[in-house]
Amino acid sequence: MSLSFYLWFILLAAMLFIPVSNLIWVVSVRRLQRKLGTTLDSKAVHGQKVRARFISLFLVALFSWFFNLWLSSANHG
């Protein structure tokens, strides 16, 4: 794998990190609010944000790796 593969991998992962983490955060906060039946305090919301960032880091890296792998194999037959 070339240097360009790793550069595109990092660029795609960086571009997707914030939207994906925000999406996971919103879904998890709403799910927890529905489960508890009340609104969350700021400490719980911050905890969900940390959790969402951790999860999205792995999801985005995995997606970016496989997407770039697919693109590089499609270019080289």
N, C-alpha and C. Protein backbone atom coordinates (compact mmCIF):
# COMPACT_ATOMS: atom_id res chain seq x y z
N MET A 1 0.83 -1.17 0.00
CA MET A 1 0.00 0.00 0.00
C MET A 1 0.89 1.25 0.00
N SER A 2 0.47 2.17 -0.79
CA SER A 2 1.28 3.36 -0.98
C SER A 2 0.95 4.44 0.05
N LEU A 3 1.74 5.47 0.00
CA LEU A 3 1.54 6.59 0.90
C LEU A 3 0.20 7.29 0.64
N SER A 4 -0.20 7.33 -0.63
CA SER A 4 -1.48 7.97 -0.95
C SER A 4 -2.65 7.22 -0.33
N PHE A 5 -2.55 5.90 -0.21
CA PHE A 5 -3.60 5.12 0.44
C PHE A 5 -3.79 5.58 1.88
N TYR A 6 -2.70 5.72 2.59
CA TYR A 6 -2.77 6.13 4.00
C TYR A 6 -3.23 7.58 4.15
N LEU A 7 -2.82 8.44 3.23
CA LEU A 7 -3.26 9.83 3.29
C LEU A 7 -4.77 9.94 3.05
N TRP A 8 -5.28 9.21 2.05
CA TRP A 8 -6.72 9.23 1.79
C TRP A 8 -7.49 8.58 2.93
N PHE A 9 -6.93 7.53 3.52
CA PHE A 9 -7.55 6.88 4.67
C PHE A 9 -7.72 7.86 5.83
N ILE A 10 -6.68 8.60 6.15
CA ILE A 10 -6.73 9.57 7.24
C ILE A 10 -7.67 10.73 6.90
N LEU A 11 -7.61 11.20 5.66
CA LEU A 11 -8.47 12.32 5.26
C LEU A 11 -9.95 11.94 5.33
N LEU A 12 -10.31 10.78 4.82
CA LEU A 12 -11.70 10.35 4.85
C LEU A 12 -12.17 10.12 6.29
N ALA A 13 -11.33 9.50 7.11
CA ALA A 13 -11.70 9.27 8.50
C ALA A 13 -11.88 10.60 9.24
N ALA A 14 -11.02 11.55 8.98
CA ALA A 14 -11.13 12.85 9.65
C ALA A 14 -12.38 13.60 9.21
N MET A 15 -12.73 13.50 7.95
CA MET A 15 -13.92 14.19 7.45
C MET A 15 -15.20 13.56 7.98
N LEU A 16 -15.20 12.28 8.23
CA LEU A 16 -16.40 11.60 8.68
C LEU A 16 -16.56 11.58 10.21
N PHE A 17 -15.50 11.88 10.93
CA PHE A 17 -15.53 11.70 12.38
C PHE A 17 -16.59 12.56 13.07
N ILE A 18 -16.63 13.84 12.80
CA ILE A 18 -17.56 14.74 13.50
C ILE A 18 -19.02 14.43 13.16
N PRO A 19 -19.39 14.28 11.88
CA PRO A 19 -20.80 13.96 11.61
C PRO A 19 -21.25 12.62 12.20
N VAL A 20 -20.39 11.63 12.12
CA VAL A 20 -20.77 10.32 12.65
C VAL A 20 -20.86 10.34 14.17
N SER A 21 -19.93 11.01 14.83
CA SER A 21 -20.00 11.07 16.29
C SER A 21 -21.22 11.86 16.75
N ASN A 22 -21.57 12.92 16.04
CA ASN A 22 -22.78 13.67 16.40
C ASN A 22 -24.04 12.84 16.19
N LEU A 23 -24.09 12.08 15.11
CA LEU A 23 -25.23 11.22 14.86
C LEU A 23 -25.38 10.16 15.94
N ILE A 24 -24.29 9.51 16.30
CA ILE A 24 -24.33 8.50 17.35
C ILE A 24 -24.71 9.13 18.68
N TRP A 25 -24.20 10.32 18.96
CA TRP A 25 -24.50 11.02 20.21
C TRP A 25 -25.99 11.34 20.32
N VAL A 26 -26.56 11.90 19.26
CA VAL A 26 -27.98 12.25 19.28
C VAL A 26 -28.85 11.02 19.46
N VAL A 27 -28.55 9.97 18.75
CA VAL A 27 -29.34 8.74 18.86
C VAL A 27 -29.23 8.16 20.27
N SER A 28 -28.03 8.14 20.83
CA SER A 28 -27.87 7.54 22.16
C SER A 28 -28.50 8.39 23.26
N VAL A 29 -28.45 9.73 23.14
CA VAL A 29 -29.09 10.59 24.13
C VAL A 29 -30.61 10.43 24.07
N ARG A 30 -31.16 10.41 22.87
CA ARG A 30 -32.61 10.24 22.74
C ARG A 30 -33.06 8.86 23.24
N ARG A 31 -32.27 7.85 22.95
CA ARG A 31 -32.62 6.51 23.42
C ARG A 31 -32.59 6.44 24.94
N LEU A 32 -31.58 7.04 25.55
CA LEU A 32 -31.47 7.03 27.01
C LEU A 32 -32.58 7.87 27.65
N GLN A 33 -32.93 8.99 27.05
CA GLN A 33 -34.02 9.80 27.57
C GLN A 33 -35.35 9.05 27.49
N ARG A 34 -35.57 8.36 26.40
CA ARG A 34 -36.80 7.58 26.25
C ARG A 34 -36.83 6.42 27.24
N LYS A 35 -35.69 5.80 27.47
CA LYS A 35 -35.60 4.68 28.41
C LYS A 35 -35.85 5.14 29.85
N LEU A 36 -35.27 6.29 30.23
CA LEU A 36 -35.43 6.80 31.59
C LEU A 36 -36.73 7.57 31.79
N GLY A 37 -37.27 8.12 30.72
CA GLY A 37 -38.49 8.89 30.80
C GLY A 37 -38.29 10.32 31.28
N THR A 38 -37.07 10.78 31.39
CA THR A 38 -36.77 12.15 31.82
C THR A 38 -35.67 12.73 30.93
N THR A 39 -35.43 14.03 31.09
CA THR A 39 -34.30 14.64 30.40
C THR A 39 -33.02 14.34 31.18
N LEU A 40 -31.92 14.35 30.48
CA LEU A 40 -30.63 14.02 31.09
C LEU A 40 -29.95 15.28 31.63
N ASP A 41 -29.18 15.12 32.68
CA ASP A 41 -28.39 16.24 33.17
C ASP A 41 -27.13 16.39 32.32
N SER A 42 -26.40 17.46 32.54
CA SER A 42 -25.24 17.75 31.69
C SER A 42 -24.14 16.71 31.83
N LYS A 43 -24.02 16.10 33.00
CA LYS A 43 -23.00 15.07 33.19
C LYS A 43 -23.30 13.83 32.35
N ALA A 44 -24.56 13.43 32.30
CA ALA A 44 -24.95 12.27 31.50
C ALA A 44 -24.81 12.56 30.01
N VAL A 45 -25.15 13.77 29.60
CA VAL A 45 -25.03 14.14 28.19
C VAL A 45 -23.57 14.14 27.77
N HIS A 46 -22.70 14.66 28.65
CA HIS A 46 -21.26 14.66 28.34
C HIS A 46 -20.73 13.22 28.28
N GLY A 47 -21.19 12.36 29.16
CA GLY A 47 -20.77 10.97 29.13
C GLY A 47 -21.18 10.27 27.85
N GLN A 48 -22.37 10.60 27.35
CA GLN A 48 -22.82 10.04 26.08
C GLN A 48 -21.99 10.57 24.91
N LYS A 49 -21.55 11.81 25.01
CA LYS A 49 -20.72 12.39 23.95
C LYS A 49 -19.35 11.70 23.90
N VAL A 50 -18.76 11.43 25.06
CA VAL A 50 -17.48 10.72 25.10
C VAL A 50 -17.64 9.32 24.53
N ARG A 51 -18.72 8.68 24.91
CA ARG A 51 -19.01 7.32 24.41
C ARG A 51 -19.20 7.32 22.90
N ALA A 52 -19.93 8.31 22.39
CA ALA A 52 -20.17 8.42 20.95
C ALA A 52 -18.87 8.65 20.18
N ARG A 53 -17.99 9.48 20.72
CA ARG A 53 -16.71 9.72 20.06
C ARG A 53 -15.86 8.46 20.01
N PHE A 54 -15.88 7.71 21.09
CA PHE A 54 -15.10 6.46 21.14
C PHE A 54 -15.62 5.46 20.11
N ILE A 55 -16.92 5.31 20.04
CA ILE A 55 -17.52 4.37 19.09
C ILE A 55 -17.27 4.83 17.65
N SER A 56 -17.46 6.12 17.40
CA SER A 56 -17.31 6.61 16.03
C SER A 56 -15.87 6.54 15.55
N LEU A 57 -14.92 6.64 16.44
CA LEU A 57 -13.51 6.51 16.05
C LEU A 57 -13.26 5.17 15.38
N PHE A 58 -13.76 4.11 15.97
CA PHE A 58 -13.57 2.78 15.40
C PHE A 58 -14.39 2.57 14.13
N LEU A 59 -15.64 3.04 14.13
CA LEU A 59 -16.47 2.87 12.95
C LEU A 59 -15.92 3.61 11.74
N VAL A 60 -15.51 4.84 11.95
CA VAL A 60 -15.00 5.65 10.85
C VAL A 60 -13.68 5.09 10.33
N ALA A 61 -12.82 4.68 11.22
CA ALA A 61 -11.54 4.11 10.79
C ALA A 61 -11.75 2.82 10.00
N LEU A 62 -12.65 1.98 10.47
CA LEU A 62 -12.93 0.72 9.78
C LEU A 62 -13.54 0.98 8.40
N PHE A 63 -14.52 1.86 8.34
CA PHE A 63 -15.14 2.18 7.05
C PHE A 63 -14.13 2.79 6.09
N SER A 64 -13.34 3.73 6.57
CA SER A 64 -12.37 4.40 5.72
C SER A 64 -11.33 3.42 5.18
N TRP A 65 -10.88 2.51 6.04
CA TRP A 65 -9.89 1.52 5.61
C TRP A 65 -10.45 0.63 4.50
N PHE A 66 -11.65 0.08 4.72
CA PHE A 66 -12.23 -0.81 3.71
C PHE A 66 -12.62 -0.07 2.44
N PHE A 67 -13.10 1.16 2.55
CA PHE A 67 -13.45 1.93 1.37
C PHE A 67 -12.22 2.22 0.53
N ASN A 68 -11.13 2.64 1.16
CA ASN A 68 -9.90 2.91 0.41
C ASN A 68 -9.28 1.64 -0.14
N LEU A 69 -9.42 0.54 0.57
CA LEU A 69 -8.94 -0.74 0.07
C LEU A 69 -9.72 -1.14 -1.18
N TRP A 70 -11.03 -0.94 -1.14
CA TRP A 70 -11.87 -1.25 -2.29
C TRP A 70 -11.52 -0.36 -3.48
N LEU A 71 -11.31 0.93 -3.21
CA LEU A 71 -10.95 1.84 -4.29
C LEU A 71 -9.59 1.50 -4.91
N SER A 72 -8.64 1.15 -4.09
CA SER A 72 -7.32 0.84 -4.62
C SER A 72 -7.34 -0.47 -5.40
N SER A 73 -8.15 -1.44 -5.00
CA SER A 73 -8.23 -2.69 -5.77
C SER A 73 -9.04 -2.49 -7.05
N ALA A 74 -10.01 -1.57 -7.04
CA ALA A 74 -10.78 -1.31 -8.25
C ALA A 74 -9.91 -0.61 -9.30
N ASN A 75 -8.96 0.19 -8.86
CA ASN A 75 -8.09 0.89 -9.81
C ASN A 75 -7.05 -0.03 -10.42
N HIS A 76 -6.70 -1.09 -9.70
CA HIS A 76 -5.63 -1.96 -10.19
C HIS A 76 -6.14 -3.30 -10.67
N GLY A 77 -7.41 -3.43 -10.89
CA GLY A 77 -7.98 -4.65 -11.44
C GLY A 77 -8.15 -5.66 -10.42
